[in-house]
Amino acid sequence: MITNAQNILCLDLGTKTGWAICSADGHIISDTEHFPSRCFEGGGMRYLRFKQWLMEINRSVDGIDAVYFKR
């Protein structure tokens, strides 16, 4: 039995970001998400796309309790 179960997000950050979520019930989902630079966009737009994606992931698992990332 798992106590204090959490939704954990793990990230390998980059233009091609690898990610995995271990949900409170032990189910693991993983994939990659691409955040390429686009013509006529500043670096801030890449950040905004990443932030939007992160909010969507957060909603999809009913909240992320912890985030780990590769340095």
PDB file of N, CA and C in Angstrom:
ATOM      1  N   MET A   1       0.836  -1.175   0.000  1.00  0.00           N
ATOM      2  CA  MET A   1       0.000   0.000   0.000  1.00  0.00           C
ATOM      3  C   MET A   1       0.886   1.245   0.000  1.00  0.00           C
ATOM      4  N   ILE A   2       0.569   2.194  -0.850  1.00  0.00           N
ATOM      5  CA  ILE A   2       1.325   3.438  -0.953  1.00  0.00           C
ATOM      6  C   ILE A   2       0.669   4.478  -0.050  1.00  0.00           C
ATOM      7  N   THR A   3       1.480   5.090   0.815  1.00  0.00           N
ATOM      8  CA  THR A   3       0.966   6.181   1.630  1.00  0.00           C
ATOM      9  C   THR A   3       1.571   7.475   1.135  1.00  0.00           C
ATOM     10  N   ASN A   4       0.870   8.560   1.350  1.00  0.00           N
ATOM     11  CA  ASN A   4       1.322   9.869   0.869  1.00  0.00           C
ATOM     12  C   ASN A   4       1.633   9.845  -0.627  1.00  0.00           C
ATOM     13  N   ALA A   5       0.819   9.158  -1.392  1.00  0.00           N
ATOM     14  CA  ALA A   5       1.038   9.040  -2.835  1.00  0.00           C
ATOM     15  C   ALA A   5       0.956  10.408  -3.490  1.00  0.00           C
ATOM     16  N   GLN A   6       1.797  10.600  -4.501  1.00  0.00           N
ATOM     17  CA  GLN A   6       1.869  11.877  -5.185  1.00  0.00           C
ATOM     18  C   GLN A   6       1.936  11.664  -6.684  1.00  0.00           C
ATOM     19  N   ASN A   7       1.587  12.713  -7.419  1.00  0.00           N
ATOM     20  CA  ASN A   7       1.822  12.759  -8.856  1.00  0.00           C
ATOM     21  C   ASN A   7       3.178  13.421  -9.056  1.00  0.00           C
ATOM     22  N   ILE A   8       4.124  12.684  -9.651  1.00  0.00           N
ATOM     23  CA  ILE A   8       5.491  13.169  -9.804  1.00  0.00           C
ATOM     24  C   ILE A   8       5.801  13.334 -11.281  1.00  0.00           C
ATOM     25  N   LEU A   9       6.298  14.511 -11.650  1.00  0.00           N
ATOM     26  CA  LEU A   9       6.702  14.815 -13.018  1.00  0.00           C
ATOM     27  C   LEU A   9       8.225  14.867 -13.074  1.00  0.00           C
ATOM     28  N   CYS A  10       8.814  14.126 -14.012  1.00  0.00           N
ATOM     29  CA  CYS A  10      10.263  14.140 -14.232  1.00  0.00           C
ATOM     30  C   CYS A  10      10.526  14.694 -15.623  1.00  0.00           C
ATOM     31  N   LEU A  11      11.497  15.611 -15.724  1.00  0.00           N
ATOM     32  CA  LEU A  11      11.790  16.295 -16.980  1.00  0.00           C
ATOM     33  C   LEU A  11      13.257  16.162 -17.364  1.00  0.00           C
ATOM     34  N   ASP A  12      13.511  15.991 -18.653  1.00  0.00           N
ATOM     35  CA  ASP A  12      14.841  16.124 -19.242  1.00  0.00           C
ATOM     36  C   ASP A  12      14.710  17.306 -20.198  1.00  0.00           C
ATOM     37  N   LEU A  13      15.022  18.495 -19.694  1.00  0.00           N
ATOM     38  CA  LEU A  13      14.723  19.741 -20.399  1.00  0.00           C
ATOM     39  C   LEU A  13      15.605  19.958 -21.620  1.00  0.00           C
ATOM     40  N   GLY A  14      15.021  20.537 -22.642  1.00  0.00           N
ATOM     41  CA  GLY A  14      15.724  20.901 -23.861  1.00  0.00           C
ATOM     42  C   GLY A  14      14.713  21.269 -24.924  1.00  0.00           C
ATOM     43  N   THR A  15      15.218  21.556 -26.130  1.00  0.00           N
ATOM     44  CA  THR A  15      14.307  21.828 -27.240  1.00  0.00           C
ATOM     45  C   THR A  15      13.382  20.639 -27.446  1.00  0.00           C
ATOM     46  N   LYS A  16      13.933  19.432 -27.273  1.00  0.00           N
ATOM     47  CA  LYS A  16      13.130  18.208 -27.247  1.00  0.00           C
ATOM     48  C   LYS A  16      13.139  17.737 -25.800  1.00  0.00           C
ATOM     49  N   THR A  17      12.069  18.004 -25.102  1.00  0.00           N
ATOM     50  CA  THR A  17      11.967  17.710 -23.674  1.00  0.00           C
ATOM     51  C   THR A  17      11.375  16.331 -23.459  1.00  0.00           C
ATOM     52  N   GLY A  18      12.122  15.480 -22.786  1.00  0.00           N
ATOM     53  CA  GLY A  18      11.604  14.179 -22.393  1.00  0.00           C
ATOM     54  C   GLY A  18      10.908  14.322 -21.048  1.00  0.00           C
ATOM     55  N   TRP A  19       9.831  13.590 -20.859  1.00  0.00           N
ATOM     56  CA  TRP A  19       9.096  13.705 -19.609  1.00  0.00           C
ATOM     57  C   TRP A  19       8.450  12.381 -19.225  1.00  0.00           C
ATOM     58  N   ALA A  20       8.216  12.225 -17.940  1.00  0.00           N
ATOM     59  CA  ALA A  20       7.501  11.062 -17.414  1.00  0.00           C
ATOM     60  C   ALA A  20       6.712  11.513 -16.194  1.00  0.00           C
ATOM     61  N   ILE A  21       5.540  10.942 -16.053  1.00  0.00           N
ATOM     62  CA  ILE A  21       4.704  11.205 -14.880  1.00  0.00           C
ATOM     63  C   ILE A  21       4.404   9.872 -14.215  1.00  0.00           C
ATOM     64  N   CYS A  22       4.664   9.822 -12.932  1.00  0.00           N
ATOM     65  CA  CYS A  22       4.245   8.682 -12.126  1.00  0.00           C
ATOM     66  C   CYS A  22       3.071   9.175 -11.291  1.00  0.00           C
ATOM     67  N   SER A  23       1.903   8.635 -11.570  1.00  0.00           N
ATOM     68  CA  SER A  23       0.704   9.107 -10.872  1.00  0.00           C
ATOM     69  C   SER A  23       0.610   8.473  -9.486  1.00  0.00           C
ATOM     70  N   ALA A  24      -0.269   9.009  -8.694  1.00  0.00           N
ATOM     71  CA  ALA A  24      -0.440   8.544  -7.320  1.00  0.00           C
ATOM     72  C   ALA A  24      -0.783   7.055  -7.255  1.00  0.00           C
ATOM     73  N   ASP A  25      -1.413   6.530  -8.306  1.00  0.00           N
ATOM     74  CA  ASP A  25      -1.767   5.106  -8.313  1.00  0.00           C
ATOM     75  C   ASP A  25      -0.660   4.225  -8.890  1.00  0.00           C
ATOM     76  N   GLY A  26       0.507   4.822  -9.223  1.00  0.00           N
ATOM     77  CA  GLY A  26       1.649   4.053  -9.720  1.00  0.00           C
ATOM     78  C   GLY A  26       1.730   3.931 -11.226  1.00  0.00           C
ATOM     79  N   HIS A  27       0.763   4.461 -11.942  1.00  0.00           N
ATOM     80  CA  HIS A  27       0.757   4.415 -13.406  1.00  0.00           C
ATOM     81  C   HIS A  27       1.799   5.396 -13.946  1.00  0.00           C
ATOM     82  N   ILE A  28       2.605   4.952 -14.921  1.00  0.00           N
ATOM     83  CA  ILE A  28       3.649   5.804 -15.494  1.00  0.00           C
ATOM     84  C   ILE A  28       3.329   6.104 -16.950  1.00  0.00           C
ATOM     85  N   ILE A  29       3.412   7.382 -17.301  1.00  0.00           N
ATOM     86  CA  ILE A  29       3.220   7.852 -18.676  1.00  0.00           C
ATOM     87  C   ILE A  29       4.476   8.625 -19.045  1.00  0.00           C
ATOM     88  N   SER A  30       4.997   8.397 -20.260  1.00  0.00           N
ATOM     89  CA  SER A  30       6.177   9.151 -20.692  1.00  0.00           C
ATOM     90  C   SER A  30       6.083   9.470 -22.174  1.00  0.00           C
ATOM     91  N   ASP A  31       6.801  10.513 -22.576  1.00  0.00           N
ATOM     92  CA  ASP A  31       6.792  10.944 -23.974  1.00  0.00           C
ATOM     93  C   ASP A  31       7.844  12.034 -24.136  1.00  0.00           C
ATOM     94  N   THR A  32       7.853  12.661 -25.304  1.00  0.00           N
ATOM     95  CA  THR A  32       8.690  13.837 -25.540  1.00  0.00           C
ATOM     96  C   THR A  32       7.804  14.950 -26.069  1.00  0.00           C
ATOM     97  N   GLU A  33       8.222  16.156 -25.810  1.00  0.00           N
ATOM     98  CA  GLU A  33       7.524  17.340 -26.315  1.00  0.00           C
ATOM     99  C   GLU A  33       8.572  18.239 -26.949  1.00  0.00           C
ATOM    100  N   HIS A  34       8.259  18.771 -28.124  1.00  0.00           N
ATOM    101  CA  HIS A  34       9.208  19.597 -28.870  1.00  0.00           C
ATOM    102  C   HIS A  34       8.854  21.075 -28.722  1.00  0.00           C
ATOM    103  N   PHE A  35       9.883  21.880 -28.451  1.00  0.00           N
ATOM    104  CA  PHE A  35       9.730  23.326 -28.313  1.00  0.00           C
ATOM    105  C   PHE A  35      10.755  24.033 -29.200  1.00  0.00           C
ATOM    106  N   PRO A  36      10.622  23.901 -30.519  1.00  0.00           N
ATOM    107  CA  PRO A  36      11.607  24.518 -31.417  1.00  0.00           C
ATOM    108  C   PRO A  36      11.411  26.031 -31.515  1.00  0.00           C
ATOM    109  N   SER A  37      12.483  26.704 -31.898  1.00  0.00           N
ATOM    110  CA  SER A  37      12.374  28.134 -32.211  1.00  0.00           C
ATOM    111  C   SER A  37      11.627  28.268 -33.527  1.00  0.00           C
ATOM    112  N   ARG A  38      10.811  29.269 -33.627  1.00  0.00           N
ATOM    113  CA  ARG A  38      10.077  29.525 -34.870  1.00  0.00           C
ATOM    114  C   ARG A  38      10.527  30.861 -35.435  1.00  0.00           C
ATOM    115  N   CYS A  39      10.376  31.013 -36.731  1.00  0.00           N
ATOM    116  CA  CYS A  39      10.771  32.267 -37.391  1.00  0.00           C
ATOM    117  C   CYS A  39      10.063  33.453 -36.745  1.00  0.00           C
ATOM    118  N   PHE A  40      10.800  34.512 -36.583  1.00  0.00           N
ATOM    119  CA  PHE A  40      10.270  35.785 -36.094  1.00  0.00           C
ATOM    120  C   PHE A  40       9.744  35.727 -34.660  1.00  0.00           C
ATOM    121  N   GLU A  41      10.153  34.709 -33.892  1.00  0.00           N
ATOM    122  CA  GLU A  41       9.765  34.620 -32.487  1.00  0.00           C
ATOM    123  C   GLU A  41      11.000  34.799 -31.610  1.00  0.00           C
ATOM    124  N   GLY A  42      10.834  35.478 -30.505  1.00  0.00           N
ATOM    125  CA  GLY A  42      11.897  35.570 -29.520  1.00  0.00           C
ATOM    126  C   GLY A  42      11.891  34.332 -28.636  1.00  0.00           C
ATOM    127  N   GLY A  43      12.924  34.199 -27.812  1.00  0.00           N
ATOM    128  CA  GLY A  43      13.015  33.058 -26.908  1.00  0.00           C
ATOM    129  C   GLY A  43      11.882  32.987 -25.910  1.00  0.00           C
ATOM    130  N   GLY A  44      11.260  34.120 -25.631  1.00  0.00           N
ATOM    131  CA  GLY A  44      10.153  34.139 -24.685  1.00  0.00           C
ATOM    132  C   GLY A  44       8.956  33.327 -25.148  1.00  0.00           C
ATOM    133  N   MET A  45       8.769  33.214 -26.446  1.00  0.00           N
ATOM    134  CA  MET A  45       7.636  32.437 -26.965  1.00  0.00           C
ATOM    135  C   MET A  45       7.835  30.948 -26.695  1.00  0.00           C
ATOM    136  N   ARG A  46       9.070  30.473 -26.782  1.00  0.00           N
ATOM    137  CA  ARG A  46       9.345  29.063 -26.467  1.00  0.00           C
ATOM    138  C   ARG A  46       8.973  28.797 -25.006  1.00  0.00           C
ATOM    139  N   TYR A  47       9.348  29.730 -24.138  1.00  0.00           N
ATOM    140  CA  TYR A  47       9.005  29.605 -22.718  1.00  0.00           C
ATOM    141  C   TYR A  47       7.491  29.582 -22.528  1.00  0.00           C
ATOM    142  N   LEU A  48       6.770  30.454 -23.218  1.00  0.00           N
ATOM    143  CA  LEU A  48       5.313  30.488 -23.076  1.00  0.00           C
ATOM    144  C   LEU A  48       4.668  29.197 -23.564  1.00  0.00           C
ATOM    145  N   ARG A  49       5.192  28.608 -24.650  1.00  0.00           N
ATOM    146  CA  ARG A  49       4.670  27.315 -25.119  1.00  0.00           C
ATOM    147  C   ARG A  49       4.943  26.223 -24.087  1.00  0.00           C
ATOM    148  N   PHE A  50       6.148  26.249 -23.489  1.00  0.00           N
ATOM    149  CA  PHE A  50       6.484  25.281 -22.443  1.00  0.00           C
ATOM    150  C   PHE A  50       5.554  25.449 -21.243  1.00  0.00           C
ATOM    151  N   LYS A  51       5.323  26.683 -20.826  1.00  0.00           N
ATOM    152  CA  LYS A  51       4.447  26.961 -19.688  1.00  0.00           C
ATOM    153  C   LYS A  51       3.026  26.466 -19.960  1.00  0.00           C
ATOM    154  N   GLN A  52       2.515  26.706 -21.171  1.00  0.00           N
ATOM    155  CA  GLN A  52       1.177  26.242 -21.542  1.00  0.00           C
ATOM    156  C   GLN A  52       1.106  24.716 -21.493  1.00  0.00           C
ATOM    157  N   TRP A  53       2.128  24.064 -22.041  1.00  0.00           N
ATOM    158  CA  TRP A  53       2.181  22.602 -22.021  1.00  0.00           C
ATOM    159  C   TRP A  53       2.201  22.089 -20.579  1.00  0.00           C
ATOM    160  N   LEU A  54       2.999  22.731 -19.722  1.00  0.00           N
ATOM    161  CA  LEU A  54       3.105  22.325 -18.327  1.00  0.00           C
ATOM    162  C   LEU A  54       1.762  22.466 -17.610  1.00  0.00           C
ATOM    163  N   MET A  55       1.027  23.529 -17.887  1.00  0.00           N
ATOM    164  CA  MET A  55      -0.297  23.703 -17.280  1.00  0.00           C
ATOM    165  C   MET A  55      -1.262  22.620 -17.762  1.00  0.00           C
ATOM    166  N   GLU A  56      -1.171  22.228 -19.039  1.00  0.00           N
ATOM    167  CA  GLU A  56      -2.030  21.160 -19.561  1.00  0.00           C
ATOM    168  C   GLU A  56      -1.711  19.828 -18.889  1.00  0.00           C
ATOM    169  N   ILE A  57      -0.425  19.531 -18.717  1.00  0.00           N
ATOM    170  CA  ILE A  57      -0.020  18.299 -18.025  1.00  0.00           C
ATOM    171  C   ILE A  57      -0.547  18.321 -16.589  1.00  0.00           C
ATOM    172  N   ASN A  58      -0.405  19.437 -15.924  1.00  0.00           N
ATOM    173  CA  ASN A  58      -0.870  19.586 -14.545  1.00  0.00           C
ATOM    174  C   ASN A  58      -2.366  19.290 -14.436  1.00  0.00           C
ATOM    175  N   ARG A  59      -3.150  19.837 -15.360  1.00  0.00           N
ATOM    176  CA  ARG A  59      -4.602  19.596 -15.358  1.00  0.00           C
ATOM    177  C   ARG A  59      -4.920  18.134 -15.662  1.00  0.00           C
ATOM    178  N   SER A  60      -4.151  17.520 -16.553  1.00  0.00           N
ATOM    179  CA  SER A  60      -4.468  16.155 -16.987  1.00  0.00           C
ATOM    180  C   SER A  60      -4.302  15.122 -15.873  1.00  0.00           C
ATOM    181  N   VAL A  61      -3.467  15.417 -14.886  1.00  0.00           N
ATOM    182  CA  VAL A  61      -3.267  14.468 -13.783  1.00  0.00           C
ATOM    183  C   VAL A  61      -3.852  14.986 -12.472  1.00  0.00           C
ATOM    184  N   ASP A  62      -4.666  16.024 -12.568  1.00  0.00           N
ATOM    185  CA  ASP A  62      -5.308  16.605 -11.385  1.00  0.00           C
ATOM    186  C   ASP A  62      -4.279  17.107 -10.376  1.00  0.00           C
ATOM    187  N   GLY A  63      -3.233  17.757 -10.895  1.00  0.00           N
ATOM    188  CA  GLY A  63      -2.222  18.383 -10.039  1.00  0.00           C
ATOM    189  C   GLY A  63      -0.926  17.605  -9.955  1.00  0.00           C
ATOM    190  N   ILE A  64       0.177  18.316 -10.061  1.00  0.00           N
ATOM    191  CA  ILE A  64       1.510  17.737  -9.913  1.00  0.00           C
ATOM    192  C   ILE A  64       2.013  18.112  -8.525  1.00  0.00           C
ATOM    193  N   ASP A  65       2.473  17.109  -7.775  1.00  0.00           N
ATOM    194  CA  ASP A  65       2.936  17.338  -6.410  1.00  0.00           C
ATOM    195  C   ASP A  65       4.438  17.588  -6.313  1.00  0.00           C
ATOM    196  N   ALA A  66       5.201  17.044  -7.269  1.00  0.00           N
ATOM    197  CA  ALA A  66       6.658  17.219  -7.243  1.00  0.00           C
ATOM    198  C   ALA A  66       7.188  17.191  -8.667  1.00  0.00           C
ATOM    199  N   VAL A  67       8.264  17.952  -8.891  1.00  0.00           N
ATOM    200  CA  VAL A  67       8.921  17.985 -10.199  1.00  0.00           C
ATOM    201  C   VAL A  67      10.399  17.705  -9.985  1.00  0.00           C
ATOM    202  N   TYR A  68      10.932  16.780 -10.783  1.00  0.00           N
ATOM    203  CA  TYR A  68      12.359  16.482 -10.781  1.00  0.00           C
ATOM    204  C   TYR A  68      12.871  16.721 -12.187  1.00  0.00           C
ATOM    205  N   PHE A  69      14.108  17.219 -12.294  1.00  0.00           N
ATOM    206  CA  PHE A  69      14.655  17.468 -13.622  1.00  0.00           C
ATOM    207  C   PHE A  69      16.137  17.147 -13.656  1.00  0.00           C
ATOM    208  N   LYS A  70      16.604  16.831 -14.862  1.00  0.00           N
ATOM    209  CA  LYS A  70      18.007  16.500 -15.091  1.00  0.00           C
ATOM    210  C   LYS A  70      18.787  17.788 -15.265  1.00  0.00           C
ATOM    211  N   ARG A  71      19.924  17.893 -14.574  1.00  0.00           N
ATOM    212  CA  ARG A  71      20.775  19.079 -14.709  1.00  0.00           C
ATOM    213  C   ARG A  71      21.746  18.926 -15.837  1.00  0.00           C
TER     214      ARG A  71
END
